[in-house]
Amino acid sequence: MTKKIKVPRILAFSALLVLVSPLAFAQQSMPATSGSSSSVDNTRMNQRDRSARTLKPTDQPNNHADIKLAAAVRRAIVNDKTLSMKAHNVKLIARAGVVTLRGPVASGQEKMKVAALVARVPGVTRVDNQLDVETHTRNTP
C-alpha cells in the first residue's frame, strides 16, 4: 500500500514556478525572427540618450518654479483624453520656461498636438519638441 504524502500548496506552487520560470525568461530573451515586420531594436535611440548633450528626465531642475511648471505640463497632457497612452507617458523636462518633450507618440498629428497643448500651459516660453513618431506596424497573421 502506497502512502500519500501531503505537500503544502505553497511548496507545490513554488516547485512549479522553479520549473516554469526558465522557460518564460528564455522566450522573452529570444531575438525576433527575420520574418517579423516590426523591429524592437532601439539601439540608435539608446546611443542618442547616452550623449551628455541630450536632456533626460533626470536633468529636471529641482527648484520650485521648474517643478511646478513640469507638473502643470504633465497635468495638461494627461487630462487630454484624446491622446494615446504613449503621448500621456512622454518624457518632459521643464527648465526656466523651456519644456523639452521626448519619447514616442502614435502619429505626426499627435506629435504636433502635444507640442501645441504644452505651448498653451501658462509659464511655458518655448517647446523643444523631440518626440518620435512610432513607425512600427503590428504583426497580423
N, C-alpha and C. Protein backbone atom coordinates (compact mmCIF):
# COMPACT_ATOMS: atom_id res chain seq x y z
N MET A 1 0.84 -1.17 0.00
CA MET A 1 0.00 0.00 0.00
C MET A 1 0.89 1.24 0.00
N THR A 2 0.61 2.15 -0.93
CA THR A 2 1.42 3.37 -1.01
C THR A 2 0.81 4.43 -0.12
N LYS A 3 1.69 5.15 0.50
CA LYS A 3 1.28 6.20 1.42
C LYS A 3 1.31 7.54 0.68
N LYS A 4 0.21 8.32 0.74
CA LYS A 4 0.16 9.63 0.10
C LYS A 4 0.88 10.64 0.96
N ILE A 5 1.70 11.42 0.32
CA ILE A 5 2.43 12.48 1.03
C ILE A 5 1.70 13.78 0.77
N LYS A 6 1.37 14.47 1.84
CA LYS A 6 0.70 15.77 1.70
C LYS A 6 1.76 16.85 1.56
N VAL A 7 1.67 17.59 0.45
CA VAL A 7 2.60 18.68 0.19
C VAL A 7 1.82 19.98 0.31
N PRO A 8 2.27 20.87 1.16
CA PRO A 8 1.57 22.16 1.26
C PRO A 8 1.48 22.84 -0.10
N ARG A 9 0.38 23.51 -0.35
CA ARG A 9 0.16 24.16 -1.66
C ARG A 9 1.26 25.14 -2.01
N ILE A 10 1.76 25.86 -1.04
CA ILE A 10 2.79 26.86 -1.33
C ILE A 10 4.06 26.19 -1.86
N LEU A 11 4.39 25.02 -1.32
CA LEU A 11 5.57 24.30 -1.81
C LEU A 11 5.33 23.78 -3.22
N ALA A 12 4.15 23.28 -3.49
CA ALA A 12 3.83 22.78 -4.83
C ALA A 12 3.89 23.92 -5.84
N PHE A 13 3.33 25.06 -5.46
CA PHE A 13 3.35 26.23 -6.34
C PHE A 13 4.78 26.71 -6.58
N SER A 14 5.59 26.74 -5.53
CA SER A 14 6.98 27.16 -5.65
C SER A 14 7.75 26.25 -6.58
N ALA A 15 7.52 24.94 -6.45
CA ALA A 15 8.20 23.98 -7.32
C ALA A 15 7.80 24.21 -8.77
N LEU A 16 6.53 24.48 -9.00
CA LEU A 16 6.06 24.75 -10.36
C LEU A 16 6.73 26.00 -10.92
N LEU A 17 6.84 27.05 -10.12
CA LEU A 17 7.50 28.28 -10.58
C LEU A 17 8.96 28.04 -10.94
N VAL A 18 9.64 27.24 -10.14
CA VAL A 18 11.04 26.94 -10.40
C VAL A 18 11.19 26.22 -11.73
N LEU A 19 10.25 25.37 -12.06
CA LEU A 19 10.33 24.62 -13.32
C LEU A 19 9.93 25.46 -14.53
N VAL A 20 8.95 26.34 -14.36
CA VAL A 20 8.40 27.10 -15.49
C VAL A 20 9.16 28.40 -15.75
N SER A 21 9.71 29.03 -14.73
CA SER A 21 10.37 30.34 -14.89
C SER A 21 11.45 30.37 -15.95
N PRO A 22 12.36 29.41 -16.01
CA PRO A 22 13.39 29.48 -17.06
C PRO A 22 12.81 29.48 -18.46
N LEU A 23 11.69 28.78 -18.65
CA LEU A 23 11.06 28.78 -19.97
C LEU A 23 10.51 30.15 -20.33
N ALA A 24 9.91 30.81 -19.37
CA ALA A 24 9.36 32.14 -19.61
C ALA A 24 10.46 33.13 -19.95
N PHE A 25 11.57 33.09 -19.21
CA PHE A 25 12.67 34.00 -19.48
C PHE A 25 13.33 33.70 -20.81
N ALA A 26 13.42 32.43 -21.18
CA ALA A 26 14.04 32.06 -22.45
C ALA A 26 13.22 32.61 -23.60
N GLN A 27 11.89 32.58 -23.50
CA GLN A 27 11.05 33.09 -24.57
C GLN A 27 11.17 34.60 -24.69
N GLN A 28 11.30 35.30 -23.58
CA GLN A 28 11.39 36.75 -23.63
C GLN A 28 12.68 37.23 -24.24
N SER A 29 13.76 36.50 -24.03
CA SER A 29 15.06 36.98 -24.49
C SER A 29 15.41 36.50 -25.89
N MET A 30 14.54 35.72 -26.52
CA MET A 30 14.83 35.23 -27.86
C MET A 30 14.73 36.38 -28.86
N PRO A 31 15.67 36.49 -29.81
CA PRO A 31 15.59 37.57 -30.79
C PRO A 31 14.42 37.38 -31.73
N ALA A 32 13.94 38.48 -32.29
CA ALA A 32 12.85 38.42 -33.25
C ALA A 32 13.29 37.71 -34.50
N THR A 33 12.38 36.98 -35.11
CA THR A 33 12.73 36.26 -36.33
C THR A 33 12.79 37.24 -37.49
N SER A 34 13.48 36.84 -38.52
CA SER A 34 13.66 37.73 -39.66
C SER A 34 12.35 37.99 -40.39
N GLY A 35 11.34 37.15 -40.17
CA GLY A 35 10.06 37.33 -40.83
C GLY A 35 9.17 38.34 -40.14
N SER A 36 9.55 38.82 -38.98
CA SER A 36 8.67 39.76 -38.28
C SER A 36 8.75 41.12 -38.95
N SER A 37 7.60 41.79 -39.02
CA SER A 37 7.57 43.06 -39.73
C SER A 37 7.93 44.26 -38.86
N SER A 38 8.00 44.06 -37.55
CA SER A 38 8.36 45.20 -36.72
C SER A 38 9.65 44.91 -35.98
N SER A 39 10.44 45.93 -35.83
CA SER A 39 11.72 45.78 -35.15
C SER A 39 11.65 46.41 -33.78
N VAL A 40 12.23 45.75 -32.81
CA VAL A 40 12.28 46.30 -31.47
C VAL A 40 13.67 46.80 -31.16
N ASP A 41 14.44 47.02 -32.18
CA ASP A 41 15.81 47.48 -31.99
C ASP A 41 15.80 48.99 -31.81
N ASN A 42 16.15 49.44 -30.61
CA ASN A 42 16.19 50.88 -30.34
C ASN A 42 17.62 51.30 -30.01
N THR A 43 18.58 50.66 -30.62
CA THR A 43 19.99 50.97 -30.39
C THR A 43 20.29 52.43 -30.71
N ARG A 44 19.75 52.92 -31.81
CA ARG A 44 20.01 54.31 -32.21
C ARG A 44 19.55 55.28 -31.13
N MET A 45 18.36 55.04 -30.57
CA MET A 45 17.84 55.93 -29.53
C MET A 45 18.67 55.81 -28.26
N ASN A 46 19.08 54.60 -27.93
CA ASN A 46 19.89 54.41 -26.73
C ASN A 46 21.22 55.15 -26.85
N GLN A 47 21.82 55.14 -28.03
CA GLN A 47 23.08 55.86 -28.24
C GLN A 47 22.85 57.36 -28.10
N ARG A 48 21.76 57.85 -28.64
CA ARG A 48 21.43 59.27 -28.54
C ARG A 48 21.26 59.66 -27.07
N ASP A 49 20.62 58.79 -26.30
CA ASP A 49 20.35 59.10 -24.89
C ASP A 49 21.61 59.07 -24.03
N ARG A 50 22.69 58.47 -24.50
CA ARG A 50 23.93 58.45 -23.73
C ARG A 50 24.72 59.74 -23.87
N SER A 51 24.38 60.53 -24.84
CA SER A 51 25.10 61.77 -25.08
C SER A 51 24.89 62.75 -23.93
N ALA A 52 25.95 63.43 -23.55
CA ALA A 52 25.86 64.42 -22.47
C ALA A 52 25.03 65.62 -22.90
N ARG A 53 24.89 65.85 -24.20
CA ARG A 53 24.11 66.98 -24.71
C ARG A 53 22.61 66.72 -24.68
N THR A 54 22.21 65.46 -24.56
CA THR A 54 20.80 65.12 -24.59
C THR A 54 20.19 65.28 -23.21
N LEU A 55 19.12 66.07 -23.13
CA LEU A 55 18.41 66.23 -21.85
C LEU A 55 17.62 64.96 -21.56
N LYS A 56 17.69 64.53 -20.33
CA LYS A 56 16.95 63.37 -19.86
C LYS A 56 16.09 63.80 -18.67
N PRO A 57 15.06 63.04 -18.32
CA PRO A 57 14.23 63.42 -17.17
C PRO A 57 15.04 63.63 -15.89
N THR A 58 16.16 62.97 -15.76
CA THR A 58 17.00 63.16 -14.57
C THR A 58 17.65 64.54 -14.55
N ASP A 59 17.58 65.27 -15.67
CA ASP A 59 18.13 66.62 -15.74
C ASP A 59 17.11 67.68 -15.30
N GLN A 60 15.93 67.24 -14.88
CA GLN A 60 14.91 68.17 -14.41
C GLN A 60 15.44 68.93 -13.20
N PRO A 61 15.48 70.27 -13.28
CA PRO A 61 15.92 71.05 -12.11
C PRO A 61 15.00 70.83 -10.92
N ASN A 62 15.55 71.02 -9.75
CA ASN A 62 14.82 70.75 -8.52
C ASN A 62 14.30 72.02 -7.85
N ASN A 63 14.25 73.14 -8.59
CA ASN A 63 13.72 74.35 -7.97
C ASN A 63 12.20 74.39 -8.08
N HIS A 64 11.57 75.14 -7.21
CA HIS A 64 10.11 75.16 -7.09
C HIS A 64 9.42 75.55 -8.40
N ALA A 65 9.89 76.58 -9.08
CA ALA A 65 9.23 77.07 -10.30
C ALA A 65 9.26 76.02 -11.41
N ASP A 66 10.41 75.36 -11.60
CA ASP A 66 10.51 74.36 -12.67
C ASP A 66 9.69 73.11 -12.35
N ILE A 67 9.67 72.71 -11.10
CA ILE A 67 8.87 71.55 -10.70
C ILE A 67 7.38 71.84 -10.89
N LYS A 68 6.97 73.04 -10.51
CA LYS A 68 5.57 73.45 -10.65
C LYS A 68 5.17 73.48 -12.13
N LEU A 69 6.06 74.00 -12.98
CA LEU A 69 5.78 74.04 -14.42
C LEU A 69 5.71 72.63 -15.00
N ALA A 70 6.64 71.77 -14.62
CA ALA A 70 6.63 70.39 -15.12
C ALA A 70 5.33 69.68 -14.72
N ALA A 71 4.88 69.92 -13.49
CA ALA A 71 3.63 69.30 -13.02
C ALA A 71 2.44 69.83 -13.82
N ALA A 72 2.42 71.11 -14.12
CA ALA A 72 1.32 71.70 -14.90
C ALA A 72 1.30 71.14 -16.33
N VAL A 73 2.48 70.97 -16.90
CA VAL A 73 2.58 70.41 -18.26
C VAL A 73 2.09 68.97 -18.25
N ARG A 74 2.55 68.18 -17.29
CA ARG A 74 2.14 66.77 -17.21
C ARG A 74 0.63 66.68 -17.04
N ARG A 75 0.08 67.52 -16.18
CA ARG A 75 -1.37 67.52 -15.94
C ARG A 75 -2.12 67.83 -17.24
N ALA A 76 -1.65 68.81 -18.00
CA ALA A 76 -2.30 69.18 -19.26
C ALA A 76 -2.28 68.01 -20.25
N ILE A 77 -1.17 67.32 -20.31
CA ILE A 77 -1.05 66.18 -21.24
C ILE A 77 -1.98 65.05 -20.81
N VAL A 78 -1.93 64.69 -19.55
CA VAL A 78 -2.72 63.56 -19.05
C VAL A 78 -4.22 63.86 -19.10
N ASN A 79 -4.61 65.11 -18.90
CA ASN A 79 -6.03 65.47 -18.91
C ASN A 79 -6.64 65.44 -20.30
N ASP A 80 -5.82 65.43 -21.34
CA ASP A 80 -6.34 65.36 -22.71
C ASP A 80 -6.58 63.89 -23.06
N LYS A 81 -7.81 63.45 -22.95
CA LYS A 81 -8.15 62.04 -23.14
C LYS A 81 -8.15 61.62 -24.61
N THR A 82 -7.95 62.56 -25.54
CA THR A 82 -7.88 62.19 -26.95
C THR A 82 -6.49 61.69 -27.32
N LEU A 83 -5.50 61.90 -26.44
CA LEU A 83 -4.14 61.47 -26.71
C LEU A 83 -3.97 59.99 -26.37
N SER A 84 -3.04 59.35 -27.05
CA SER A 84 -2.75 57.94 -26.80
C SER A 84 -2.01 57.77 -25.47
N MET A 85 -1.93 56.54 -25.01
CA MET A 85 -1.19 56.24 -23.78
C MET A 85 0.28 56.61 -23.97
N LYS A 86 0.81 56.42 -25.16
CA LYS A 86 2.21 56.80 -25.42
C LYS A 86 2.40 58.29 -25.19
N ALA A 87 1.47 59.08 -25.70
CA ALA A 87 1.57 60.54 -25.53
C ALA A 87 1.45 60.92 -24.06
N HIS A 88 0.58 60.23 -23.33
CA HIS A 88 0.43 60.52 -21.90
C HIS A 88 1.71 60.24 -21.13
N ASN A 89 2.56 59.38 -21.67
CA ASN A 89 3.77 58.97 -20.97
C ASN A 89 5.06 59.57 -21.54
N VAL A 90 4.97 60.63 -22.33
CA VAL A 90 6.19 61.22 -22.88
C VAL A 90 7.07 61.75 -21.75
N LYS A 91 8.36 61.79 -22.02
CA LYS A 91 9.29 62.36 -21.04
C LYS A 91 9.27 63.87 -21.23
N LEU A 92 9.35 64.60 -20.11
CA LEU A 92 9.41 66.05 -20.23
C LEU A 92 10.36 66.61 -19.20
N ILE A 93 11.01 67.69 -19.60
CA ILE A 93 11.93 68.41 -18.72
C ILE A 93 11.57 69.88 -18.84
N ALA A 94 11.31 70.53 -17.71
CA ALA A 94 10.98 71.96 -17.70
C ALA A 94 12.13 72.71 -17.04
N ARG A 95 12.74 73.64 -17.78
CA ARG A 95 13.85 74.45 -17.27
C ARG A 95 13.65 75.89 -17.69
N ALA A 96 13.41 76.74 -16.71
CA ALA A 96 13.30 78.19 -16.95
C ALA A 96 12.32 78.51 -18.08
N GLY A 97 11.17 77.83 -18.09
CA GLY A 97 10.14 78.10 -19.09
C GLY A 97 10.25 77.28 -20.36
N VAL A 98 11.38 76.65 -20.59
CA VAL A 98 11.57 75.82 -21.79
C VAL A 98 11.24 74.38 -21.44
N VAL A 99 10.30 73.80 -22.18
CA VAL A 99 9.88 72.41 -21.94
C VAL A 99 10.39 71.55 -23.08
N THR A 100 11.19 70.55 -22.73
CA THR A 100 11.70 69.59 -23.71
C THR A 100 10.84 68.34 -23.63
N LEU A 101 10.33 67.90 -24.78
CA LEU A 101 9.50 66.71 -24.87
C LEU A 101 10.26 65.62 -25.61
N ARG A 102 10.26 64.41 -25.04
CA ARG A 102 10.96 63.29 -25.67
C ARG A 102 10.15 62.03 -25.50
N GLY A 103 10.35 61.09 -26.40
CA GLY A 103 9.69 59.80 -26.32
C GLY A 103 8.79 59.57 -27.51
N PRO A 104 8.20 58.37 -27.59
CA PRO A 104 7.37 58.02 -28.75
C PRO A 104 5.92 58.50 -28.61
N VAL A 105 5.34 58.84 -29.74
CA VAL A 105 3.91 59.12 -29.84
C VAL A 105 3.37 58.35 -31.03
N ALA A 106 2.06 58.27 -31.12
CA ALA A 106 1.42 57.40 -32.11
C ALA A 106 1.48 57.93 -33.55
N SER A 107 1.52 59.26 -33.73
CA SER A 107 1.47 59.80 -35.10
C SER A 107 2.09 61.19 -35.15
N GLY A 108 2.32 61.66 -36.37
CA GLY A 108 2.82 63.02 -36.55
C GLY A 108 1.81 64.05 -36.06
N GLN A 109 0.53 63.76 -36.27
CA GLN A 109 -0.53 64.66 -35.81
C GLN A 109 -0.51 64.75 -34.28
N GLU A 110 -0.32 63.61 -33.62
CA GLU A 110 -0.27 63.61 -32.16
C GLU A 110 0.97 64.36 -31.65
N LYS A 111 2.07 64.24 -32.37
CA LYS A 111 3.29 64.96 -32.00
C LYS A 111 3.02 66.46 -31.99
N MET A 112 2.37 66.96 -33.04
CA MET A 112 2.05 68.38 -33.11
C MET A 112 1.04 68.80 -32.06
N LYS A 113 0.06 67.92 -31.79
CA LYS A 113 -0.97 68.24 -30.81
C LYS A 113 -0.39 68.36 -29.40
N VAL A 114 0.53 67.45 -29.04
CA VAL A 114 1.16 67.51 -27.72
C VAL A 114 1.95 68.80 -27.58
N ALA A 115 2.72 69.14 -28.60
CA ALA A 115 3.53 70.37 -28.54
C ALA A 115 2.64 71.61 -28.41
N ALA A 116 1.54 71.66 -29.16
CA ALA A 116 0.63 72.81 -29.09
C ALA A 116 -0.03 72.88 -27.71
N LEU A 117 -0.40 71.75 -27.17
CA LEU A 117 -1.01 71.69 -25.84
C LEU A 117 -0.05 72.22 -24.78
N VAL A 118 1.21 71.79 -24.86
CA VAL A 118 2.23 72.22 -23.91
C VAL A 118 2.50 73.72 -24.05
N ALA A 119 2.52 74.22 -25.28
CA ALA A 119 2.80 75.64 -25.51
C ALA A 119 1.74 76.55 -24.86
N ARG A 120 0.52 76.03 -24.68
CA ARG A 120 -0.56 76.83 -24.08
C ARG A 120 -0.52 76.83 -22.54
N VAL A 121 0.33 76.02 -21.93
CA VAL A 121 0.40 75.98 -20.47
C VAL A 121 1.04 77.28 -19.98
N PRO A 122 0.40 77.98 -19.04
CA PRO A 122 0.99 79.22 -18.52
C PRO A 122 2.39 78.98 -17.93
N GLY A 123 3.33 79.84 -18.34
CA GLY A 123 4.71 79.72 -17.86
C GLY A 123 5.65 79.11 -18.88
N VAL A 124 5.09 78.45 -19.91
CA VAL A 124 5.94 77.86 -20.95
C VAL A 124 6.30 78.95 -21.95
N THR A 125 7.60 79.17 -22.13
CA THR A 125 8.07 80.18 -23.08
C THR A 125 8.47 79.58 -24.42
N ARG A 126 8.87 78.30 -24.40
CA ARG A 126 9.28 77.62 -25.63
C ARG A 126 9.14 76.12 -25.44
N VAL A 127 8.82 75.41 -26.54
CA VAL A 127 8.72 73.94 -26.51
C VAL A 127 9.78 73.39 -27.44
N ASP A 128 10.64 72.52 -26.90
CA ASP A 128 11.64 71.80 -27.69
C ASP A 128 11.06 70.42 -27.95
N ASN A 129 10.44 70.25 -29.12
CA ASN A 129 9.70 69.04 -29.45
C ASN A 129 10.64 68.00 -30.06
N GLN A 130 11.10 67.07 -29.24
CA GLN A 130 11.96 65.98 -29.71
C GLN A 130 11.20 64.65 -29.71
N LEU A 131 9.88 64.71 -29.81
CA LEU A 131 9.07 63.50 -29.80
C LEU A 131 9.34 62.67 -31.06
N ASP A 132 9.27 61.37 -30.92
CA ASP A 132 9.49 60.45 -32.04
C ASP A 132 8.16 59.82 -32.42
N VAL A 133 7.88 59.76 -33.71
CA VAL A 133 6.67 59.10 -34.21
C VAL A 133 6.99 57.63 -34.40
N GLU A 134 6.24 56.76 -33.74
CA GLU A 134 6.47 55.33 -33.88
C GLU A 134 6.04 54.89 -35.26
N THR A 135 6.88 54.10 -35.89
CA THR A 135 6.60 53.66 -37.24
C THR A 135 6.38 52.16 -37.34
N HIS A 136 6.28 51.46 -36.20
CA HIS A 136 6.07 50.01 -36.21
C HIS A 136 4.71 49.71 -36.82
N THR A 137 4.66 48.57 -37.44
CA THR A 137 3.37 48.04 -37.86
C THR A 137 3.14 46.78 -37.07
N ARG A 138 1.91 46.53 -36.75
CA ARG A 138 1.59 45.33 -35.97
C ARG A 138 1.67 44.11 -36.85
N ASN A 139 2.11 43.01 -36.28
CA ASN A 139 2.12 41.73 -36.99
C ASN A 139 0.69 41.23 -37.10
N THR A 140 0.27 40.91 -38.31
CA THR A 140 -1.05 40.33 -38.49
C THR A 140 -0.87 38.99 -39.16
N PRO A 141 -1.45 37.95 -38.59
CA PRO A 141 -1.29 36.61 -39.18
C PRO A 141 -2.00 36.46 -40.49
